[in-house]
Amino acid sequence: MTMKASVLAIAVAAALTGCNDSNDDQPTKTVSWFFDHRDELQATLKACRDNPGERGNTADCINANEARKKITVQQMKDALK
């Protein structure tokens, strides 16, 4: 029974290893890149919200959220002028 449990654990670990590798072939976009590419920012934020369990802590989601915060601050400053 212990051998079966070990084999099962190894199989599950191996299967899950590739779960977050779907975007590894694309370079991570920076906060300033998202700041300058608002359409892509919105698409990335939507994808992050739609699947936070898998994408929520990826570099692109974190950077997109930081860009969104910077845009919000800029808009608030512009509104006060």
PDB file of N, CA and C in Angstrom:
ATOM      1  N   MET A   1       0.816  -1.192   0.000  1.00  0.00           N
ATOM      2  CA  MET A   1       0.000   0.000   0.000  1.00  0.00           C
ATOM      3  C   MET A   1       0.865   1.263   0.000  1.00  0.00           C
ATOM      4  N   THR A   2       1.955   1.265   0.714  1.00  0.00           N
ATOM      5  CA  THR A   2       2.828   2.425   0.776  1.00  0.00           C
ATOM      6  C   THR A   2       3.476   2.683  -0.581  1.00  0.00           C
ATOM      7  N   MET A   3       3.850   1.622  -1.278  1.00  0.00           N
ATOM      8  CA  MET A   3       4.466   1.767  -2.595  1.00  0.00           C
ATOM      9  C   MET A   3       3.479   2.390  -3.578  1.00  0.00           C
ATOM     10  N   LYS A   4       2.213   1.971  -3.529  1.00  0.00           N
ATOM     11  CA  LYS A   4       1.196   2.537  -4.415  1.00  0.00           C
ATOM     12  C   LYS A   4       0.985   4.018  -4.116  1.00  0.00           C
ATOM     13  N   ALA A   5       0.967   4.381  -2.845  1.00  0.00           N
ATOM     14  CA  ALA A   5       0.787   5.779  -2.462  1.00  0.00           C
ATOM     15  C   ALA A   5       1.952   6.619  -2.954  1.00  0.00           C
ATOM     16  N   SER A   6       3.165   6.081  -2.864  1.00  0.00           N
ATOM     17  CA  SER A   6       4.350   6.809  -3.335  1.00  0.00           C
ATOM     18  C   SER A   6       4.303   7.012  -4.839  1.00  0.00           C
ATOM     19  N   VAL A   7       3.939   5.986  -5.563  1.00  0.00           N
ATOM     20  CA  VAL A   7       3.847   6.088  -7.020  1.00  0.00           C
ATOM     21  C   VAL A   7       2.763   7.085  -7.412  1.00  0.00           C
ATOM     22  N   LEU A   8       1.645   7.048  -6.719  1.00  0.00           N
ATOM     23  CA  LEU A   8       0.559   7.985  -7.000  1.00  0.00           C
ATOM     24  C   LEU A   8       1.003   9.421  -6.722  1.00  0.00           C
ATOM     25  N   ALA A   9       1.681   9.645  -5.616  1.00  0.00           N
ATOM     26  CA  ALA A   9       2.157  10.991  -5.274  1.00  0.00           C
ATOM     27  C   ALA A   9       3.137  11.504  -6.322  1.00  0.00           C
ATOM     28  N   ILE A  10       4.025  10.658  -6.785  1.00  0.00           N
ATOM     29  CA  ILE A  10       4.996  11.052  -7.811  1.00  0.00           C
ATOM     30  C   ILE A  10       4.278  11.371  -9.119  1.00  0.00           C
ATOM     31  N   ALA A  11       3.292  10.571  -9.469  1.00  0.00           N
ATOM     32  CA  ALA A  11       2.545  10.799 -10.706  1.00  0.00           C
ATOM     33  C   ALA A  11       1.778  12.122 -10.650  1.00  0.00           C
ATOM     34  N   VAL A  12       1.155  12.395  -9.520  1.00  0.00           N
ATOM     35  CA  VAL A  12       0.412  13.649  -9.368  1.00  0.00           C
ATOM     36  C   VAL A  12       1.369  14.834  -9.438  1.00  0.00           C
ATOM     37  N   ALA A  13       2.491  14.739  -8.757  1.00  0.00           N
ATOM     38  CA  ALA A  13       3.477  15.829  -8.778  1.00  0.00           C
ATOM     39  C   ALA A  13       3.987  16.068 -10.199  1.00  0.00           C
ATOM     40  N   ALA A  14       4.253  15.009 -10.923  1.00  0.00           N
ATOM     41  CA  ALA A  14       4.743  15.145 -12.296  1.00  0.00           C
ATOM     42  C   ALA A  14       3.675  15.781 -13.191  1.00  0.00           C
ATOM     43  N   ALA A  15       2.424  15.410 -12.977  1.00  0.00           N
ATOM     44  CA  ALA A  15       1.342  15.968 -13.788  1.00  0.00           C
ATOM     45  C   ALA A  15       1.141  17.449 -13.502  1.00  0.00           C
ATOM     46  N   LEU A  16       1.300  17.848 -12.259  1.00  0.00           N
ATOM     47  CA  LEU A  16       1.084  19.244 -11.890  1.00  0.00           C
ATOM     48  C   LEU A  16       2.265  20.143 -12.212  1.00  0.00           C
ATOM     49  N   THR A  17       3.407  19.581 -12.473  1.00  0.00           N
ATOM     50  CA  THR A  17       4.603  20.374 -12.737  1.00  0.00           C
ATOM     51  C   THR A  17       4.408  21.325 -13.905  1.00  0.00           C
ATOM     52  N   GLY A  18       3.705  20.926 -14.929  1.00  0.00           N
ATOM     53  CA  GLY A  18       3.533  21.757 -16.111  1.00  0.00           C
ATOM     54  C   GLY A  18       2.334  22.682 -16.081  1.00  0.00           C
ATOM     55  N   CYS A  19       1.587  22.720 -15.001  1.00  0.00           N
ATOM     56  CA  CYS A  19       0.349  23.498 -14.962  1.00  0.00           C
ATOM     57  C   CYS A  19       0.548  24.983 -15.228  1.00  0.00           C
ATOM     58  N   ASN A  20       1.563  25.577 -14.686  1.00  0.00           N
ATOM     59  CA  ASN A  20       1.754  27.016 -14.847  1.00  0.00           C
ATOM     60  C   ASN A  20       2.755  27.361 -15.931  1.00  0.00           C
ATOM     61  N   ASP A  21       3.111  26.421 -16.754  1.00  0.00           N
ATOM     62  CA  ASP A  21       4.112  26.659 -17.787  1.00  0.00           C
ATOM     63  C   ASP A  21       3.513  27.108 -19.106  1.00  0.00           C
ATOM     64  N   SER A  22       2.214  27.387 -19.153  1.00  0.00           N
ATOM     65  CA  SER A  22       1.562  27.692 -20.423  1.00  0.00           C
ATOM     66  C   SER A  22       2.080  28.971 -21.067  1.00  0.00           C
ATOM     67  N   ASN A  23       2.583  29.921 -20.281  1.00  0.00           N
ATOM     68  CA  ASN A  23       3.064  31.180 -20.840  1.00  0.00           C
ATOM     69  C   ASN A  23       4.571  31.320 -20.731  1.00  0.00           C
ATOM     70  N   ASP A  24       5.284  30.235 -20.426  1.00  0.00           N
ATOM     71  CA  ASP A  24       6.731  30.319 -20.253  1.00  0.00           C
ATOM     72  C   ASP A  24       7.462  30.635 -21.545  1.00  0.00           C
ATOM     73  N   ASP A  25       6.831  30.391 -22.684  1.00  0.00           N
ATOM     74  CA  ASP A  25       7.495  30.663 -23.955  1.00  0.00           C
ATOM     75  C   ASP A  25       7.421  32.153 -24.307  1.00  0.00           C
ATOM     76  N   GLN A  26       6.651  32.916 -23.567  1.00  0.00           N
ATOM     77  CA  GLN A  26       6.539  34.360 -23.809  1.00  0.00           C
ATOM     78  C   GLN A  26       7.227  35.105 -22.666  1.00  0.00           C
ATOM     79  N   PRO A  27       7.966  36.164 -22.995  1.00  0.00           N
ATOM     80  CA  PRO A  27       8.621  36.920 -21.921  1.00  0.00           C
ATOM     81  C   PRO A  27       7.591  37.638 -21.049  1.00  0.00           C
ATOM     82  N   THR A  28       7.945  37.825 -19.795  1.00  0.00           N
ATOM     83  CA  THR A  28       7.087  38.547 -18.864  1.00  0.00           C
ATOM     84  C   THR A  28       7.030  40.018 -19.271  1.00  0.00           C
ATOM     85  N   LYS A  29       5.841  40.572 -19.243  1.00  0.00           N
ATOM     86  CA  LYS A  29       5.659  41.984 -19.582  1.00  0.00           C
ATOM     87  C   LYS A  29       5.847  42.813 -18.303  1.00  0.00           C
ATOM     88  N   THR A  30       6.484  43.956 -18.444  1.00  0.00           N
ATOM     89  CA  THR A  30       6.770  44.805 -17.296  1.00  0.00           C
ATOM     90  C   THR A  30       5.576  45.710 -16.980  1.00  0.00           C
ATOM     91  N   VAL A  31       5.642  46.344 -15.817  1.00  0.00           N
ATOM     92  CA  VAL A  31       4.606  47.297 -15.419  1.00  0.00           C
ATOM     93  C   VAL A  31       4.528  48.427 -16.438  1.00  0.00           C
ATOM     94  N   SER A  32       5.674  48.960 -16.825  1.00  0.00           N
ATOM     95  CA  SER A  32       5.657  50.071 -17.792  1.00  0.00           C
ATOM     96  C   SER A  32       5.146  49.630 -19.157  1.00  0.00           C
ATOM     97  N   TRP A  33       5.391  48.380 -19.545  1.00  0.00           N
ATOM     98  CA  TRP A  33       4.851  47.887 -20.815  1.00  0.00           C
ATOM     99  C   TRP A  33       3.333  47.874 -20.749  1.00  0.00           C
ATOM    100  N   PHE A  34       2.778  47.336 -19.664  1.00  0.00           N
ATOM    101  CA  PHE A  34       1.320  47.328 -19.510  1.00  0.00           C
ATOM    102  C   PHE A  34       0.771  48.745 -19.453  1.00  0.00           C
ATOM    103  N   PHE A  35       1.499  49.657 -18.813  1.00  0.00           N
ATOM    104  CA  PHE A  35       1.076  51.052 -18.714  1.00  0.00           C
ATOM    105  C   PHE A  35       0.924  51.665 -20.107  1.00  0.00           C
ATOM    106  N   ASP A  36       1.810  51.288 -21.012  1.00  0.00           N
ATOM    107  CA  ASP A  36       1.795  51.825 -22.378  1.00  0.00           C
ATOM    108  C   ASP A  36       0.891  51.057 -23.343  1.00  0.00           C
ATOM    109  N   HIS A  37       0.428  49.877 -22.956  1.00  0.00           N
ATOM    110  CA  HIS A  37      -0.401  49.026 -23.821  1.00  0.00           C
ATOM    111  C   HIS A  37      -1.702  48.688 -23.091  1.00  0.00           C
ATOM    112  N   ARG A  38      -2.593  49.645 -23.066  1.00  0.00           N
ATOM    113  CA  ARG A  38      -3.812  49.540 -22.242  1.00  0.00           C
ATOM    114  C   ARG A  38      -4.745  48.409 -22.687  1.00  0.00           C
ATOM    115  N   ASP A  39      -4.828  48.137 -23.987  1.00  0.00           N
ATOM    116  CA  ASP A  39      -5.700  47.047 -24.443  1.00  0.00           C
ATOM    117  C   ASP A  39      -5.205  45.703 -23.926  1.00  0.00           C
ATOM    118  N   GLU A  40      -3.910  45.492 -24.021  1.00  0.00           N
ATOM    119  CA  GLU A  40      -3.317  44.248 -23.520  1.00  0.00           C
ATOM    120  C   GLU A  40      -3.447  44.177 -22.002  1.00  0.00           C
ATOM    121  N   LEU A  41      -3.318  45.311 -21.347  1.00  0.00           N
ATOM    122  CA  LEU A  41      -3.502  45.356 -19.891  1.00  0.00           C
ATOM    123  C   LEU A  41      -4.898  44.869 -19.523  1.00  0.00           C
ATOM    124  N   GLN A  42      -5.908  45.390 -20.206  1.00  0.00           N
ATOM    125  CA  GLN A  42      -7.286  44.986 -19.900  1.00  0.00           C
ATOM    126  C   GLN A  42      -7.504  43.496 -20.163  1.00  0.00           C
ATOM    127  N   ALA A  43      -6.954  42.994 -21.257  1.00  0.00           N
ATOM    128  CA  ALA A  43      -7.102  41.564 -21.571  1.00  0.00           C
ATOM    129  C   ALA A  43      -6.410  40.702 -20.518  1.00  0.00           C
ATOM    130  N   THR A  44      -5.240  41.127 -20.078  1.00  0.00           N
ATOM    131  CA  THR A  44      -4.502  40.362 -19.070  1.00  0.00           C
ATOM    132  C   THR A  44      -5.227  40.392 -17.736  1.00  0.00           C
ATOM    133  N   LEU A  45      -5.728  41.565 -17.346  1.00  0.00           N
ATOM    134  CA  LEU A  45      -6.469  41.660 -16.090  1.00  0.00           C
ATOM    135  C   LEU A  45      -7.710  40.764 -16.115  1.00  0.00           C
ATOM    136  N   LYS A  46      -8.385  40.720 -17.256  1.00  0.00           N
ATOM    137  CA  LYS A  46      -9.569  39.855 -17.377  1.00  0.00           C
ATOM    138  C   LYS A  46      -9.178  38.385 -17.228  1.00  0.00           C
ATOM    139  N   ALA A  47      -8.088  37.981 -17.885  1.00  0.00           N
ATOM    140  CA  ALA A  47      -7.634  36.595 -17.793  1.00  0.00           C
ATOM    141  C   ALA A  47      -7.237  36.251 -16.354  1.00  0.00           C
ATOM    142  N   CYS A  48      -6.631  37.195 -15.670  1.00  0.00           N
ATOM    143  CA  CYS A  48      -6.215  36.968 -14.279  1.00  0.00           C
ATOM    144  C   CYS A  48      -7.433  36.834 -13.368  1.00  0.00           C
ATOM    145  N   ARG A  49      -8.455  37.658 -13.604  1.00  0.00           N
ATOM    146  CA  ARG A  49      -9.684  37.574 -12.803  1.00  0.00           C
ATOM    147  C   ARG A  49     -10.456  36.297 -13.109  1.00  0.00           C
ATOM    148  N   ASP A  50     -10.441  35.868 -14.365  1.00  0.00           N
ATOM    149  CA  ASP A  50     -11.196  34.684 -14.763  1.00  0.00           C
ATOM    150  C   ASP A  50     -10.601  33.398 -14.197  1.00  0.00           C
ATOM    151  N   ASN A  51      -9.303  33.388 -13.934  1.00  0.00           N
ATOM    152  CA  ASN A  51      -8.663  32.172 -13.437  1.00  0.00           C
ATOM    153  C   ASN A  51      -7.608  32.525 -12.380  1.00  0.00           C
ATOM    154  N   PRO A  52      -8.030  33.091 -11.241  1.00  0.00           N
ATOM    155  CA  PRO A  52      -7.058  33.525 -10.241  1.00  0.00           C
ATOM    156  C   PRO A  52      -6.299  32.376  -9.595  1.00  0.00           C
ATOM    157  N   GLY A  53      -6.886  31.207  -9.545  1.00  0.00           N
ATOM    158  CA  GLY A  53      -6.210  30.070  -8.940  1.00  0.00           C
ATOM    159  C   GLY A  53      -4.959  29.667  -9.694  1.00  0.00           C
ATOM    160  N   GLU A  54      -5.016  29.762 -10.994  1.00  0.00           N
ATOM    161  CA  GLU A  54      -3.870  29.364 -11.818  1.00  0.00           C
ATOM    162  C   GLU A  54      -3.000  30.555 -12.205  1.00  0.00           C
ATOM    163  N   ARG A  55      -3.614  31.703 -12.459  1.00  0.00           N
ATOM    164  CA  ARG A  55      -2.866  32.842 -12.991  1.00  0.00           C
ATOM    165  C   ARG A  55      -2.617  33.960 -11.996  1.00  0.00           C
ATOM    166  N   GLY A  56      -3.350  33.964 -10.884  1.00  0.00           N
ATOM    167  CA  GLY A  56      -3.331  35.091  -9.963  1.00  0.00           C
ATOM    168  C   GLY A  56      -1.966  35.541  -9.490  1.00  0.00           C
ATOM    169  N   ASN A  57      -1.056  34.613  -9.277  1.00  0.00           N
ATOM    170  CA  ASN A  57       0.269  34.967  -8.763  1.00  0.00           C
ATOM    171  C   ASN A  57       1.362  34.902  -9.818  1.00  0.00           C
ATOM    172  N   THR A  58       0.975  34.943 -11.087  1.00  0.00           N
ATOM    173  CA  THR A  58       1.989  34.955 -12.141  1.00  0.00           C
ATOM    174  C   THR A  58       2.571  36.352 -12.269  1.00  0.00           C
ATOM    175  N   ALA A  59       3.746  36.448 -12.838  1.00  0.00           N
ATOM    176  CA  ALA A  59       4.411  37.746 -12.986  1.00  0.00           C
ATOM    177  C   ALA A  59       3.565  38.702 -13.817  1.00  0.00           C
ATOM    178  N   ASP A  60       2.951  38.219 -14.891  1.00  0.00           N
ATOM    179  CA  ASP A  60       2.138  39.106 -15.732  1.00  0.00           C
ATOM    180  C   ASP A  60       0.925  39.645 -14.973  1.00  0.00           C
ATOM    181  N   CYS A  61       0.277  38.820 -14.165  1.00  0.00           N
ATOM    182  CA  CYS A  61      -0.880  39.302 -13.400  1.00  0.00           C
ATOM    183  C   CYS A  61      -0.455  40.325 -12.349  1.00  0.00           C
ATOM    184  N   ILE A  62       0.636  40.053 -11.688  1.00  0.00           N
ATOM    185  CA  ILE A  62       1.137  40.998 -10.683  1.00  0.00           C
ATOM    186  C   ILE A  62       1.514  42.315 -11.347  1.00  0.00           C
ATOM    187  N   ASN A  63       2.249  42.249 -12.456  1.00  0.00           N
ATOM    188  CA  ASN A  63       2.659  43.470 -13.159  1.00  0.00           C
ATOM    189  C   ASN A  63       1.465  44.224 -13.735  1.00  0.00           C
ATOM    190  N   ALA A  64       0.487  43.506 -14.243  1.00  0.00           N
ATOM    191  CA  ALA A  64      -0.713  44.157 -14.783  1.00  0.00           C
ATOM    192  C   ALA A  64      -1.475  44.876 -13.669  1.00  0.00           C
ATOM    193  N   ASN A  65      -1.584  44.258 -12.516  1.00  0.00           N
ATOM    194  CA  ASN A  65      -2.268  44.905 -11.397  1.00  0.00           C
ATOM    195  C   ASN A  65      -1.508  46.142 -10.917  1.00  0.00           C
ATOM    196  N   GLU A  66      -0.204  46.077 -10.914  1.00  0.00           N
ATOM    197  CA  GLU A  66       0.589  47.255 -10.532  1.00  0.00           C
ATOM    198  C   GLU A  66       0.411  48.381 -11.553  1.00  0.00           C
ATOM    199  N   ALA A  67       0.375  48.040 -12.826  1.00  0.00           N
ATOM    200  CA  ALA A  67       0.151  49.049 -13.868  1.00  0.00           C
ATOM    201  C   ALA A  67      -1.225  49.679 -13.705  1.00  0.00           C
ATOM    202  N   ARG A  68      -2.219  48.855 -13.400  1.00  0.00           N
ATOM    203  CA  ARG A  68      -3.581  49.372 -13.177  1.00  0.00           C
ATOM    204  C   ARG A  68      -3.581  50.365 -12.022  1.00  0.00           C
ATOM    205  N   LYS A  69      -2.867  50.058 -10.959  1.00  0.00           N
ATOM    206  CA  LYS A  69      -2.786  50.979  -9.812  1.00  0.00           C
ATOM    207  C   LYS A  69      -2.132  52.299 -10.218  1.00  0.00           C
ATOM    208  N   LYS A  70      -1.048  52.226 -10.993  1.00  0.00           N
ATOM    209  CA  LYS A  70      -0.366  53.441 -11.438  1.00  0.00           C
ATOM    210  C   LYS A  70      -1.272  54.288 -12.331  1.00  0.00           C
ATOM    211  N   ILE A  71      -2.032  53.640 -13.188  1.00  0.00           N
ATOM    212  CA  ILE A  71      -2.956  54.354 -14.069  1.00  0.00           C
ATOM    213  C   ILE A  71      -4.032  55.046 -13.234  1.00  0.00           C
ATOM    214  N   THR A  72      -4.538  54.362 -12.232  1.00  0.00           N
ATOM    215  CA  THR A  72      -5.556  54.942 -11.359  1.00  0.00           C
ATOM    216  C   THR A  72      -5.017  56.177 -10.641  1.00  0.00           C
ATOM    217  N   VAL A  73      -3.801  56.082 -10.114  1.00  0.00           N
ATOM    218  CA  VAL A  73      -3.182  57.223  -9.441  1.00  0.00           C
ATOM    219  C   VAL A  73      -2.996  58.379 -10.414  1.00  0.00           C
ATOM    220  N   GLN A  74      -2.531  58.072 -11.630  1.00  0.00           N
ATOM    221  CA  GLN A  74      -2.341  59.122 -12.641  1.00  0.00           C
ATOM    222  C   GLN A  74      -3.676  59.784 -12.969  1.00  0.00           C
ATOM    223  N   GLN A  75      -4.727  59.003 -13.131  1.00  0.00           N
ATOM    224  CA  GLN A  75      -6.040  59.565 -13.449  1.00  0.00           C
ATOM    225  C   GLN A  75      -6.549  60.444 -12.316  1.00  0.00           C
ATOM    226  N   MET A  76      -6.294  60.050 -11.075  1.00  0.00           N
ATOM    227  CA  MET A  76      -6.719  60.852  -9.939  1.00  0.00           C
ATOM    228  C   MET A  76      -5.959  62.184  -9.901  1.00  0.00           C
ATOM    229  N   LYS A  77      -4.646  62.122 -10.180  1.00  0.00           N
ATOM    230  CA  LYS A  77      -3.845  63.349 -10.213  1.00  0.00           C
ATOM    231  C   LYS A  77      -4.331  64.273 -11.332  1.00  0.00           C
ATOM    232  N   ASP A  78      -4.604  63.690 -12.501  1.00  0.00           N
ATOM    233  CA  ASP A  78      -5.080  64.486 -13.637  1.00  0.00           C
ATOM    234  C   ASP A  78      -6.431  65.125 -13.337  1.00  0.00           C
ATOM    235  N   ALA A  79      -7.277  64.430 -12.592  1.00  0.00           N
ATOM    236  CA  ALA A  79      -8.594  64.957 -12.267  1.00  0.00           C
ATOM    237  C   ALA A  79      -8.511  66.136 -11.304  1.00  0.00           C
ATOM    238  N   LEU A  80      -7.437  66.179 -10.511  1.00  0.00           N
ATOM    239  CA  LEU A  80      -7.280  67.255  -9.531  1.00  0.00           C
ATOM    240  C   LEU A  80      -6.637  68.506 -10.117  1.00  0.00           C
ATOM    241  N   LYS A  81      -6.193  68.453 -11.346  1.00  0.00           N
ATOM    242  CA  LYS A  81      -5.541  69.610 -11.980  1.00  0.00           C
ATOM    243  C   LYS A  81      -6.541  70.679 -12.334  1.00  0.00           C
TER     244      LYS A  81
END
